[in-house]
């Protein structure tokens, strides 16, 4: 069971590096995760170290599906913070 879950996490991480960009930071104030600032520089280095990818798929969603992941994350943050 643990091995299958570990593979699921690896698969999700690879997808985040190659296709479905997830620009998410954590604060440990509004969530249960340790503080982590997400940046394109951090993501690029993480994906290079973990999977040998030259660059994450920052534009894959926009090119393939017409969705801009960073724009969507910013809009989500705006609506979450400023609209009740």
Protein backbone atom coordinates (compact mmCIF):
# COMPACT_ATOMS: atom_id res chain seq x y z
CA UNK A 1 0.00 0.00 0.00
CA UNK A 2 2.74 2.50 0.92
CA UNK A 3 4.69 1.75 -2.25
CA UNK A 4 1.63 2.36 -4.41
CA UNK A 5 0.99 5.67 -2.64
CA UNK A 6 4.63 6.69 -3.13
CA UNK A 7 4.33 5.97 -6.86
CA UNK A 8 1.14 8.03 -6.97
CA UNK A 9 2.99 10.97 -5.42
CA UNK A 10 5.85 10.57 -7.89
CA UNK A 11 3.41 10.48 -10.80
CA UNK A 12 1.59 13.58 -9.56
CA UNK A 13 4.90 15.42 -9.12
CA UNK A 14 6.02 14.48 -12.64
CA UNK A 15 2.74 15.68 -14.08
CA UNK A 16 3.15 18.96 -12.19
CA UNK A 17 6.60 19.32 -13.76
CA UNK A 18 5.63 18.38 -17.28
CA UNK A 19 2.01 19.34 -17.94
CA UNK A 20 -0.27 20.54 -15.18
CA UNK A 21 1.62 23.39 -13.53
CA UNK A 22 0.47 24.02 -9.98
CA UNK A 23 1.76 27.37 -8.72
CA UNK A 24 0.96 26.76 -5.07
CA UNK A 25 2.72 28.14 -2.04
CA UNK A 26 1.96 27.31 1.57
CA UNK A 27 2.09 29.43 4.70
CA UNK A 28 1.30 27.12 7.64
CA UNK A 29 -1.19 29.81 8.69
CA UNK A 30 -4.08 29.10 6.36
CA UNK A 31 -3.09 25.47 5.70
CA UNK A 32 -1.47 22.51 7.43
CA UNK A 33 1.71 22.45 5.33
CA UNK A 34 5.18 23.82 6.15
CA UNK A 35 5.84 27.30 4.73
CA UNK A 36 6.96 27.22 1.11
CA UNK A 37 7.17 30.06 -1.40
CA UNK A 38 6.49 28.86 -4.94
CA UNK A 39 8.52 30.50 -7.69
CA UNK A 40 9.26 29.59 -11.30
CA UNK A 41 12.95 29.41 -10.36
CA UNK A 42 12.25 26.91 -7.58
CA UNK A 43 9.99 24.83 -9.84
CA UNK A 44 12.58 24.77 -12.64
CA UNK A 45 15.33 23.59 -10.28
CA UNK A 46 13.06 21.02 -8.60
CA UNK A 47 11.99 19.49 -11.92
CA UNK A 48 15.58 19.45 -13.21
CA UNK A 49 16.86 17.72 -10.05
CA UNK A 50 14.01 15.24 -9.68
CA UNK A 51 13.29 14.28 -13.28
CA UNK A 52 16.08 15.72 -15.42
CA UNK A 53 13.66 18.04 -17.21
CA UNK A 54 15.28 21.08 -18.79
CA UNK A 55 12.27 23.22 -17.92
CA UNK A 56 8.83 22.58 -16.46
CA UNK A 57 5.83 22.79 -18.76
CA UNK A 58 5.00 26.38 -17.87
CA UNK A 59 3.13 26.83 -21.15
CA UNK A 60 1.78 23.31 -21.75
CA UNK A 61 -1.71 23.95 -20.35
CA UNK A 62 -2.06 27.17 -22.30
CA UNK A 63 -0.79 25.63 -25.54
CA UNK A 64 -2.77 22.40 -25.26
CA UNK A 65 -5.96 23.53 -23.50
CA UNK A 66 -6.03 27.32 -23.64
CA UNK A 67 -5.61 27.57 -19.84
CA UNK A 68 -3.00 29.76 -18.16
CA UNK A 69 -2.20 28.05 -14.81
CA UNK A 70 -0.57 31.07 -13.19
CA UNK A 71 -3.39 33.36 -14.26
CA UNK A 72 -5.94 30.88 -12.88
CA UNK A 73 -4.06 30.64 -9.56
CA UNK A 74 -3.94 34.43 -9.24
CA UNK A 75 -7.65 34.73 -9.97
CA UNK A 76 -8.40 31.98 -7.45
CA UNK A 77 -6.31 33.75 -4.80
CA UNK A 78 -8.07 37.05 -5.53
CA UNK A 79 -11.54 35.54 -5.26
CA UNK A 80 -10.61 33.57 -2.13
CA UNK A 81 -9.15 36.57 -0.33
CA UNK A 82 -11.36 39.43 -1.46
CA UNK A 83 -14.76 37.90 -2.05
CA UNK A 84 -16.65 36.32 0.85
